[in-house]
């Protein structure tokens, strides 16, 4: 088992919210962590700033154009960072022999191949990309076992569950009665579902508790993020889907809970700051300063919880049930749901479909796709590609209903 001694870290998705917070935690412990490699999609200015500060050995951009631009700029600054680009470069830095730890924070299915490369190379893999498990499922977990990787969840909910469980995973099936994922309810917890057609991207991205990227903010507003987390929990903790429950907790203080067979409940609490679970993943099995604020219990008048059966939540968040539906369907169906949702959310953010169309695209895509059981990465990518193509056709059909409104 890999320890928490000095680590050379590859941050995949370094300019996103998780990546920025990861670098902030590492900045506080230069004696413990070295930034070995960074990757980004297209944020050149942010990548230049990160390379100037952390001086990584490698920097990777997705496209050749962005890569060549970054190489030119870093050259003019006299920085020795080697610049690469493309999917193969992501896999190279994720599995590099000098890397001990990989923060997997690339949004969506685009991060799957590099996650698998890190797993097969036996890295300490900090998983912030829930889609790797949603799309990869058992295939991804087999790669973790095959490579002897140490898999540590970074999503606040799954980190909370991991922190609440006994250290020995072999006894988890014997002692877990229920896994309880908490959800804030997002910006529309009390909104009339009849008004959802008029929701704008700006409203959907205005989360009341967390500062996140646009895609995950929309997923929080639809609660599709919680559906993906149910799927992720099933594979991470090896439990039956029926043992996973979701409950709304508007304050986002209790990040998730485990109910054991004796009906005692262990919960993890903290401020709404991703530096907490990131620091725990980096330092596990010990703990170090994260930069997150301490909870101030004197300011907490109450912590409240709402079952999904109350206050009309089932009507507000119909996409949540899809998690259990796809887990009961043939292998590969979880990949279809993820692909459809990524396409639908992107279309909503581009104002091509309405907010309430996101769920409709997901449901119809699931009805029209019947994936064969995936046996390799190429099979998973083929399922993902077919589902995206079908979802794009559905988006085009729904777009005729009119553009998404502006604020």
Protein backbone atom coordinates (compact mmCIF):
# COMPACT_ATOMS: atom_id res chain seq x y z
CA UNK A 1 0.00 0.00 0.00
CA UNK A 2 1.32 3.43 -0.96
CA UNK A 3 2.06 5.74 1.98
CA UNK A 4 1.62 9.50 2.26
CA UNK A 5 5.34 10.36 2.16
CA UNK A 6 6.77 12.78 -0.44
CA UNK A 7 4.67 12.65 -3.60
CA UNK A 8 5.21 13.73 -7.19
CA UNK A 9 1.76 14.70 -8.38
CA UNK A 10 0.16 14.81 -11.81
CA UNK A 11 -2.92 17.05 -11.82
CA UNK A 12 -5.25 16.21 -14.70
CA UNK A 13 -7.56 19.16 -15.21
CA UNK A 14 -5.40 21.61 -13.29
CA UNK A 15 -7.21 24.80 -14.37
CA UNK A 16 -10.65 23.63 -13.24
CA UNK A 17 -12.10 24.09 -9.78
CA UNK A 18 -10.74 20.82 -8.37
CA UNK A 19 -7.34 21.33 -9.99
CA UNK A 20 -6.98 24.87 -8.63
CA UNK A 21 -7.94 23.72 -5.14
CA UNK A 22 -5.50 20.80 -5.39
CA UNK A 23 -2.65 23.16 -6.20
CA UNK A 24 -3.69 25.39 -3.30
CA UNK A 25 -3.42 22.48 -0.87
CA UNK A 26 -0.06 21.44 -2.33
CA UNK A 27 1.19 25.03 -2.10
CA UNK A 28 0.81 24.78 1.68
CA UNK A 29 3.06 21.72 1.90
CA UNK A 30 6.03 22.14 -0.48
CA UNK A 31 8.04 19.72 1.61
CA UNK A 32 5.46 16.99 0.92
CA UNK A 33 4.31 17.52 -2.66
CA UNK A 34 5.94 18.31 -5.98
CA UNK A 35 3.92 19.26 -9.06
CA UNK A 36 5.28 16.89 -11.70
CA UNK A 37 2.72 17.40 -14.48
CA UNK A 38 -0.31 19.54 -15.26
CA UNK A 39 -3.01 19.27 -17.92
CA UNK A 40 -5.75 21.58 -19.13
CA UNK A 41 -8.31 21.76 -21.90
CA UNK A 42 -7.94 25.27 -23.28
CA UNK A 43 -7.26 27.84 -20.52
CA UNK A 44 -3.89 29.09 -21.73
CA UNK A 45 -3.50 32.03 -19.36
CA UNK A 46 -4.26 29.90 -16.31
CA UNK A 47 -1.85 27.19 -17.46
CA UNK A 48 0.92 29.72 -18.06
CA UNK A 49 0.43 31.07 -14.53
CA UNK A 50 0.49 27.57 -13.03
CA UNK A 51 3.61 26.58 -14.95
CA UNK A 52 5.33 29.81 -13.92
CA UNK A 53 4.62 29.11 -10.26
CA UNK A 54 5.05 25.35 -9.97
CA UNK A 55 7.58 24.64 -12.77
CA UNK A 56 6.22 21.17 -13.67
CA UNK A 57 8.25 18.82 -15.82
CA UNK A 58 5.29 18.36 -18.20
CA UNK A 59 2.30 20.44 -19.25
CA UNK A 60 -0.37 18.96 -21.52
CA UNK A 61 -3.11 20.68 -23.52
CA UNK A 62 -5.90 18.82 -25.30
CA UNK A 63 -5.48 20.35 -28.75
CA UNK A 64 -2.35 20.83 -30.82
CA UNK A 65 -3.09 24.53 -31.31
CA UNK A 66 -3.30 25.21 -27.58
CA UNK A 67 -0.25 23.04 -27.00
CA UNK A 68 1.87 24.92 -29.52
CA UNK A 69 0.73 28.25 -28.12
CA UNK A 70 1.63 27.16 -24.59
CA UNK A 71 5.01 25.91 -25.78
CA UNK A 72 5.71 29.25 -27.47
CA UNK A 73 4.73 31.31 -24.43
CA UNK A 74 6.66 29.18 -21.94
CA UNK A 75 9.67 29.32 -24.26
CA UNK A 76 9.53 33.11 -24.28
CA UNK A 77 9.40 33.06 -20.49
CA UNK A 78 12.45 30.80 -20.34
CA UNK A 79 10.60 27.94 -18.62
CA UNK A 80 11.91 24.41 -19.14
CA UNK A 81 8.52 22.67 -18.87
CA UNK A 82 8.02 20.17 -21.68
CA UNK A 83 4.72 20.82 -23.46
CA UNK A 84 2.70 17.99 -25.03
CA UNK A 85 -0.83 17.69 -26.38
CA UNK A 86 -3.50 15.11 -27.14
CA UNK A 87 -5.07 12.08 -25.47
CA UNK A 88 -1.89 9.99 -25.65
CA UNK A 89 -0.01 12.70 -23.76
CA UNK A 90 -2.60 12.59 -20.96
CA UNK A 91 -2.10 8.86 -20.61
CA UNK A 92 1.68 9.32 -20.67
CA UNK A 93 1.78 11.75 -17.74
CA UNK A 94 -0.86 9.79 -15.78
CA UNK A 95 1.22 6.62 -15.96
CA UNK A 96 4.74 8.14 -15.94
CA UNK A 97 7.18 6.14 -13.83
CA UNK A 98 8.21 9.22 -11.82
CA UNK A 99 4.61 10.06 -10.81
CA UNK A 100 3.40 8.74 -7.48
CA UNK A 101 0.00 10.44 -7.33
CA UNK A 102 -2.60 11.40 -9.93
CA UNK A 103 -5.41 13.84 -9.29
CA UNK A 104 -8.05 12.87 -11.87
CA UNK A 105 -10.13 16.02 -12.29
CA UNK A 106 -10.92 16.06 -16.02
CA UNK A 107 -14.65 16.60 -16.41
CA UNK A 108 -16.68 13.92 -18.14
CA UNK A 109 -15.90 10.76 -20.08
CA UNK A 110 -12.87 12.49 -21.61
CA UNK A 111 -10.97 11.61 -18.45
CA UNK A 112 -11.63 7.86 -18.61
CA UNK A 113 -8.58 6.71 -20.59
CA UNK A 114 -6.08 8.63 -18.46
CA UNK A 115 -7.74 7.34 -15.28
CA UNK A 116 -7.38 3.77 -16.51
CA UNK A 117 -3.75 4.42 -17.46
CA UNK A 118 -3.04 5.67 -13.93
CA UNK A 119 -4.87 2.70 -12.41
CA UNK A 120 -2.98 0.14 -14.49
CA UNK A 121 0.30 1.86 -13.58
CA UNK A 122 -0.47 1.38 -9.87
CA UNK A 123 -0.68 5.05 -8.93
CA UNK A 124 -2.21 6.66 -5.89
CA UNK A 125 -5.32 7.76 -7.79
CA UNK A 126 -7.38 10.62 -6.37
CA UNK A 127 -10.67 10.30 -8.22
CA UNK A 128 -12.57 13.53 -8.70
CA UNK A 129 -13.85 12.43 -12.12
CA UNK A 130 -16.97 10.47 -11.18
CA UNK A 131 -17.58 9.65 -14.84
CA UNK A 132 -14.60 7.25 -14.82
CA UNK A 133 -16.64 4.97 -12.59
CA UNK A 134 -20.01 5.78 -14.13
CA UNK A 135 -18.72 4.95 -17.62
CA UNK A 136 -16.05 2.43 -16.69
CA UNK A 137 -17.86 0.56 -13.90
CA UNK A 138 -16.46 -2.91 -13.26
CA UNK A 139 -13.94 -2.47 -16.08
CA UNK A 140 -12.38 0.49 -14.28
CA UNK A 141 -12.40 -1.26 -10.89
CA UNK A 142 -10.71 -4.29 -12.48
CA UNK A 143 -7.98 -1.97 -13.79
CA UNK A 144 -7.48 -0.64 -10.25
CA UNK A 145 -7.10 -4.17 -8.91
CA UNK A 146 -4.91 -5.30 -11.79
CA UNK A 147 -2.50 -2.39 -11.39
CA UNK A 148 -2.52 -2.46 -7.59
CA UNK A 149 -3.52 1.21 -7.52
CA UNK A 150 -4.67 3.00 -4.37
CA UNK A 151 -8.06 4.52 -5.22
CA UNK A 152 -9.15 7.45 -3.04
CA UNK A 153 -12.46 9.26 -3.70
CA UNK A 154 -12.40 13.07 -3.84
CA UNK A 155 -16.07 13.89 -4.36
CA UNK A 156 -17.10 15.36 -1.01
CA UNK A 157 -19.84 12.74 -0.58
CA UNK A 158 -17.69 9.72 -1.37
CA UNK A 159 -14.77 11.06 0.64
CA UNK A 160 -17.18 11.42 3.56
CA UNK A 161 -18.32 7.82 3.17
CA UNK A 162 -14.71 6.62 2.88
CA UNK A 163 -13.80 8.53 6.05
CA UNK A 164 -16.79 7.00 7.87
CA UNK A 165 -16.01 3.38 6.98
CA UNK A 166 -13.65 0.94 8.74
CA UNK A 167 -10.13 0.91 7.30
CA UNK A 168 -10.38 -2.69 6.08
CA UNK A 169 -12.59 -2.79 2.94
CA UNK A 170 -12.93 -6.57 3.17
CA UNK A 171 -15.42 -6.19 6.03
CA UNK A 172 -17.52 -3.45 4.43
CA UNK A 173 -20.18 -5.84 3.01
CA UNK A 174 -20.62 -7.33 6.48
CA UNK A 175 -21.05 -4.08 8.41
CA UNK A 176 -22.78 -1.64 6.00
CA UNK A 177 -26.54 -1.45 6.27
CA UNK A 178 -27.03 1.72 4.24
CA UNK A 179 -25.02 4.42 2.51
CA UNK A 180 -26.70 7.81 2.77
CA UNK A 181 -25.66 10.44 0.22
CA UNK A 182 -26.61 13.98 1.14
CA UNK A 183 -27.69 16.51 -1.47
CA UNK A 184 -28.12 20.26 -1.02
CA UNK A 185 -31.04 20.33 -3.43
CA UNK A 186 -29.22 22.94 -5.50
CA UNK A 187 -30.70 26.30 -6.51
CA UNK A 188 -34.19 24.93 -7.30
CA UNK A 189 -35.00 22.95 -4.14
CA UNK A 190 -38.09 25.07 -3.50
CA UNK A 191 -38.91 26.13 -7.05
CA UNK A 192 -42.20 25.22 -8.72
CA UNK A 193 -41.45 22.52 -11.34
CA UNK A 194 -44.01 24.17 -13.62
CA UNK A 195 -41.53 27.06 -14.08
CA UNK A 196 -38.54 24.89 -15.04
CA UNK A 197 -38.92 25.60 -18.76
CA UNK A 198 -37.89 29.22 -18.14
CA UNK A 199 -34.71 28.48 -16.15
CA UNK A 200 -31.61 30.10 -17.64
CA UNK A 201 -28.02 28.76 -17.57
CA UNK A 202 -27.10 31.62 -15.22
CA UNK A 203 -29.74 30.55 -12.71
CA UNK A 204 -28.79 26.88 -12.97
CA UNK A 205 -25.10 27.65 -12.33
CA UNK A 206 -25.80 29.74 -9.21
CA UNK A 207 -25.31 27.02 -6.56
CA UNK A 208 -26.26 28.18 -3.05
CA UNK A 209 -23.38 26.45 -1.24
CA UNK A 210 -20.57 25.31 -3.55
CA UNK A 211 -18.38 27.05 -6.11
CA UNK A 212 -18.11 24.63 -9.03
CA UNK A 213 -17.68 24.42 -12.79
CA UNK A 214 -20.64 25.07 -15.08
CA UNK A 215 -21.31 21.46 -16.05
CA UNK A 216 -21.38 20.09 -12.51
CA UNK A 217 -23.41 23.11 -11.37
CA UNK A 218 -26.14 22.22 -13.88
CA UNK A 219 -25.92 18.58 -12.78
CA UNK A 220 -26.49 19.76 -9.22
CA UNK A 221 -29.50 21.79 -10.32
CA UNK A 222 -31.07 18.72 -11.98
CA UNK A 223 -29.64 16.41 -9.27
CA UNK A 224 -28.11 14.30 -12.02
CA UNK A 225 -24.87 14.75 -10.09
CA UNK A 226 -26.47 12.74 -7.30
CA UNK A 227 -27.60 10.06 -9.76
CA UNK A 228 -24.00 9.75 -10.96
CA UNK A 229 -22.83 9.61 -7.33
CA UNK A 230 -25.22 6.72 -6.61
CA UNK A 231 -23.64 4.82 -9.50
CA UNK A 232 -20.16 5.76 -8.33
CA UNK A 233 -20.90 4.62 -4.76
CA UNK A 234 -22.09 1.25 -5.98
CA UNK A 235 -18.75 0.54 -7.64
CA UNK A 236 -16.51 2.28 -5.11
CA UNK A 237 -17.87 0.55 -2.05
CA UNK A 238 -19.12 -2.71 -3.54
CA UNK A 239 -22.67 -2.39 -2.21
CA UNK A 240 -26.01 -3.28 -3.75
CA UNK A 241 -27.82 -0.28 -5.29
CA UNK A 242 -30.79 -0.81 -2.96
CA UNK A 243 -28.57 0.01 0.04
CA UNK A 244 -27.81 3.51 -1.30
CA UNK A 245 -30.15 6.29 -0.25
CA UNK A 246 -30.21 10.00 -1.10
CA UNK A 247 -31.51 12.62 1.33
CA UNK A 248 -31.67 16.39 0.92
CA UNK A 249 -29.62 18.38 3.41
CA UNK A 250 -29.75 22.06 2.43
CA UNK A 251 -26.90 23.26 4.67
CA UNK A 252 -24.21 21.01 3.07
CA UNK A 253 -22.53 20.47 6.45
CA UNK A 254 -23.06 16.70 6.72
CA UNK A 255 -21.35 15.51 3.56
CA UNK A 256 -22.67 11.93 3.74
CA UNK A 257 -23.28 9.13 6.23
CA UNK A 258 -22.98 5.39 6.71
CA UNK A 259 -25.58 3.43 8.65
CA UNK A 260 -24.18 0.18 10.00
CA UNK A 261 -25.94 -3.11 10.70
CA UNK A 262 -26.34 -2.17 14.37
CA UNK A 263 -28.17 0.96 13.11
CA UNK A 264 -25.55 3.34 14.42
CA UNK A 265 -24.71 6.12 11.94
CA UNK A 266 -21.30 7.66 11.30
CA UNK A 267 -21.24 10.98 9.46
CA UNK A 268 -18.50 13.31 8.22
CA UNK A 269 -19.04 17.04 8.67
CA UNK A 270 -17.17 20.02 7.28
CA UNK A 271 -17.43 23.34 5.52
CA UNK A 272 -18.41 23.47 1.85
CA UNK A 273 -14.81 23.58 0.66
CA UNK A 274 -13.30 20.96 -1.66
CA UNK A 275 -9.87 21.51 -0.15
CA UNK A 276 -10.98 19.30 2.75
CA UNK A 277 -11.48 16.05 0.77
CA UNK A 278 -8.56 16.95 -1.52
CA UNK A 279 -6.20 17.31 1.44
CA UNK A 280 -7.46 14.04 2.89
CA UNK A 281 -6.83 12.24 -0.39
CA UNK A 282 -3.33 13.66 -0.67
CA UNK A 283 -2.39 12.94 2.94
CA UNK A 284 -4.26 9.68 3.59
CA UNK A 285 -3.97 7.78 5.91
CA UNK A 286 -2.95 10.82 7.96
CA UNK A 287 -4.31 14.39 7.87
CA UNK A 288 -2.77 17.78 7.10
CA UNK A 289 -3.81 21.43 6.95
CA UNK A 290 -6.10 22.00 3.96
CA UNK A 291 -6.86 25.72 4.07
CA UNK A 292 -10.56 25.05 4.58
CA UNK A 293 -12.28 26.99 7.36
CA UNK A 294 -13.32 25.22 10.54
CA UNK A 295 -17.00 24.70 11.25
CA UNK A 296 -18.42 27.35 13.56
CA UNK A 297 -21.11 25.54 15.50
CA UNK A 298 -22.21 28.76 17.20
CA UNK A 299 -23.58 29.97 13.86
CA UNK A 300 -25.58 26.81 13.11
CA UNK A 301 -29.13 27.24 14.24
CA UNK A 302 -30.13 23.83 12.86
CA UNK A 303 -29.24 21.06 10.47
CA UNK A 304 -32.23 19.84 8.50
CA UNK A 305 -32.94 16.82 6.31
CA UNK A 306 -35.72 16.24 3.79
CA UNK A 307 -36.67 12.90 2.24
CA UNK A 308 -37.05 12.95 -1.53
CA UNK A 309 -40.68 11.93 -1.06
CA UNK A 310 -41.47 15.30 0.54
CA UNK A 311 -42.08 18.83 -0.81
CA UNK A 312 -42.53 17.70 -4.41
CA UNK A 313 -38.86 16.76 -4.82
CA UNK A 314 -39.65 13.76 -7.03
CA UNK A 315 -41.19 16.15 -9.58
CA UNK A 316 -38.26 18.57 -9.35
CA UNK A 317 -35.59 15.91 -9.72
CA UNK A 318 -36.91 13.04 -11.88
CA UNK A 319 -33.42 12.26 -13.18
CA UNK A 320 -32.29 10.87 -9.83
CA UNK A 321 -34.29 7.64 -10.28
CA UNK A 322 -32.34 6.94 -13.47
CA UNK A 323 -29.37 5.88 -11.33
CA UNK A 324 -31.13 2.78 -10.02
CA UNK A 325 -32.74 2.16 -13.40
CA UNK A 326 -29.42 2.00 -15.27
CA UNK A 327 -27.76 -0.06 -12.54
CA UNK A 328 -30.51 -2.64 -13.02
CA UNK A 329 -30.05 -2.56 -16.81
CA UNK A 330 -27.37 -4.38 -18.87
CA UNK A 331 -23.70 -3.34 -18.40
CA UNK A 332 -22.86 -0.29 -20.47
CA UNK A 333 -26.17 1.46 -19.80
CA UNK A 334 -24.55 3.70 -17.19
CA UNK A 335 -22.23 4.93 -19.97
CA UNK A 336 -25.24 5.76 -22.13
CA UNK A 337 -26.77 7.87 -19.36
CA UNK A 338 -23.53 9.75 -18.77
CA UNK A 339 -23.01 10.48 -22.48
CA UNK A 340 -26.59 11.64 -23.01
CA UNK A 341 -26.40 13.91 -19.99
CA UNK A 342 -23.11 15.49 -21.07
CA UNK A 343 -24.56 16.31 -24.47
CA UNK A 344 -27.83 17.62 -23.01
CA UNK A 345 -26.11 19.82 -20.41
CA UNK A 346 -23.77 21.27 -23.04
CA UNK A 347 -26.76 22.05 -25.25
CA UNK A 348 -28.56 23.75 -22.38
CA UNK A 349 -25.51 25.85 -21.53
CA UNK A 350 -25.33 26.84 -25.22
CA UNK A 351 -29.04 27.82 -25.02
CA UNK A 352 -30.05 25.24 -27.62
CA UNK A 353 -32.50 23.39 -25.37
CA UNK A 354 -34.51 24.23 -22.26
CA UNK A 355 -33.59 23.15 -18.74
CA UNK A 356 -36.46 20.67 -18.58
CA UNK A 357 -35.32 19.10 -21.85
CA UNK A 358 -32.16 17.75 -20.19
CA UNK A 359 -34.09 14.95 -18.49
CA UNK A 360 -36.14 14.30 -21.62
CA UNK A 361 -32.98 13.82 -23.71
CA UNK A 362 -31.57 11.44 -21.11
CA UNK A 363 -34.71 9.31 -20.94
CA UNK A 364 -35.21 9.06 -24.69
CA UNK A 365 -31.55 8.26 -25.29
CA UNK A 366 -31.74 5.42 -22.77
CA UNK A 367 -34.83 4.09 -24.54
CA UNK A 368 -33.13 4.15 -27.96
CA UNK A 369 -29.73 2.70 -27.00
CA UNK A 370 -29.23 -0.99 -26.25
CA UNK A 371 -25.49 -1.38 -25.60
CA UNK A 372 -23.68 -4.69 -25.78
CA UNK A 373 -21.71 -5.64 -22.68
CA UNK A 374 -18.34 -3.83 -22.87
CA UNK A 375 -15.22 -6.00 -22.70
CA UNK A 376 -12.53 -3.36 -23.20
CA UNK A 377 -11.91 0.38 -23.26
CA UNK A 378 -12.68 0.55 -26.98
CA UNK A 379 -16.12 -0.98 -26.33
CA UNK A 380 -16.84 1.65 -23.66
CA UNK A 381 -15.74 4.44 -25.99
CA UNK A 382 -17.93 3.02 -28.75
CA UNK A 383 -20.97 2.99 -26.43
CA UNK A 384 -20.16 6.54 -25.40
CA UNK A 385 -19.85 7.65 -29.02
CA UNK A 386 -23.11 6.03 -30.14
CA UNK A 387 -25.02 7.53 -27.21
CA UNK A 388 -23.61 10.99 -27.91
CA UNK A 389 -24.66 10.76 -31.55
CA UNK A 390 -28.20 9.77 -30.60
CA UNK A 391 -28.35 12.49 -27.95
CA UNK A 392 -27.29 15.10 -30.51
CA UNK A 393 -30.19 14.06 -32.74
CA UNK A 394 -32.56 14.42 -29.79
CA UNK A 395 -31.11 17.82 -28.92
CA UNK A 396 -31.74 18.97 -32.46
CA UNK A 397 -35.35 17.83 -32.20
CA UNK A 398 -35.89 19.57 -28.85
CA UNK A 399 -34.16 22.75 -30.01
CA UNK A 400 -37.13 23.51 -32.22
CA UNK A 401 -39.04 24.29 -29.02
CA UNK A 402 -37.14 27.56 -28.76
CA UNK A 403 -33.92 28.87 -27.19
CA UNK A 404 -33.09 28.88 -23.51
CA UNK A 405 -34.04 32.24 -21.98
CA UNK A 406 -31.51 34.79 -20.78
CA UNK A 407 -31.57 36.62 -17.51
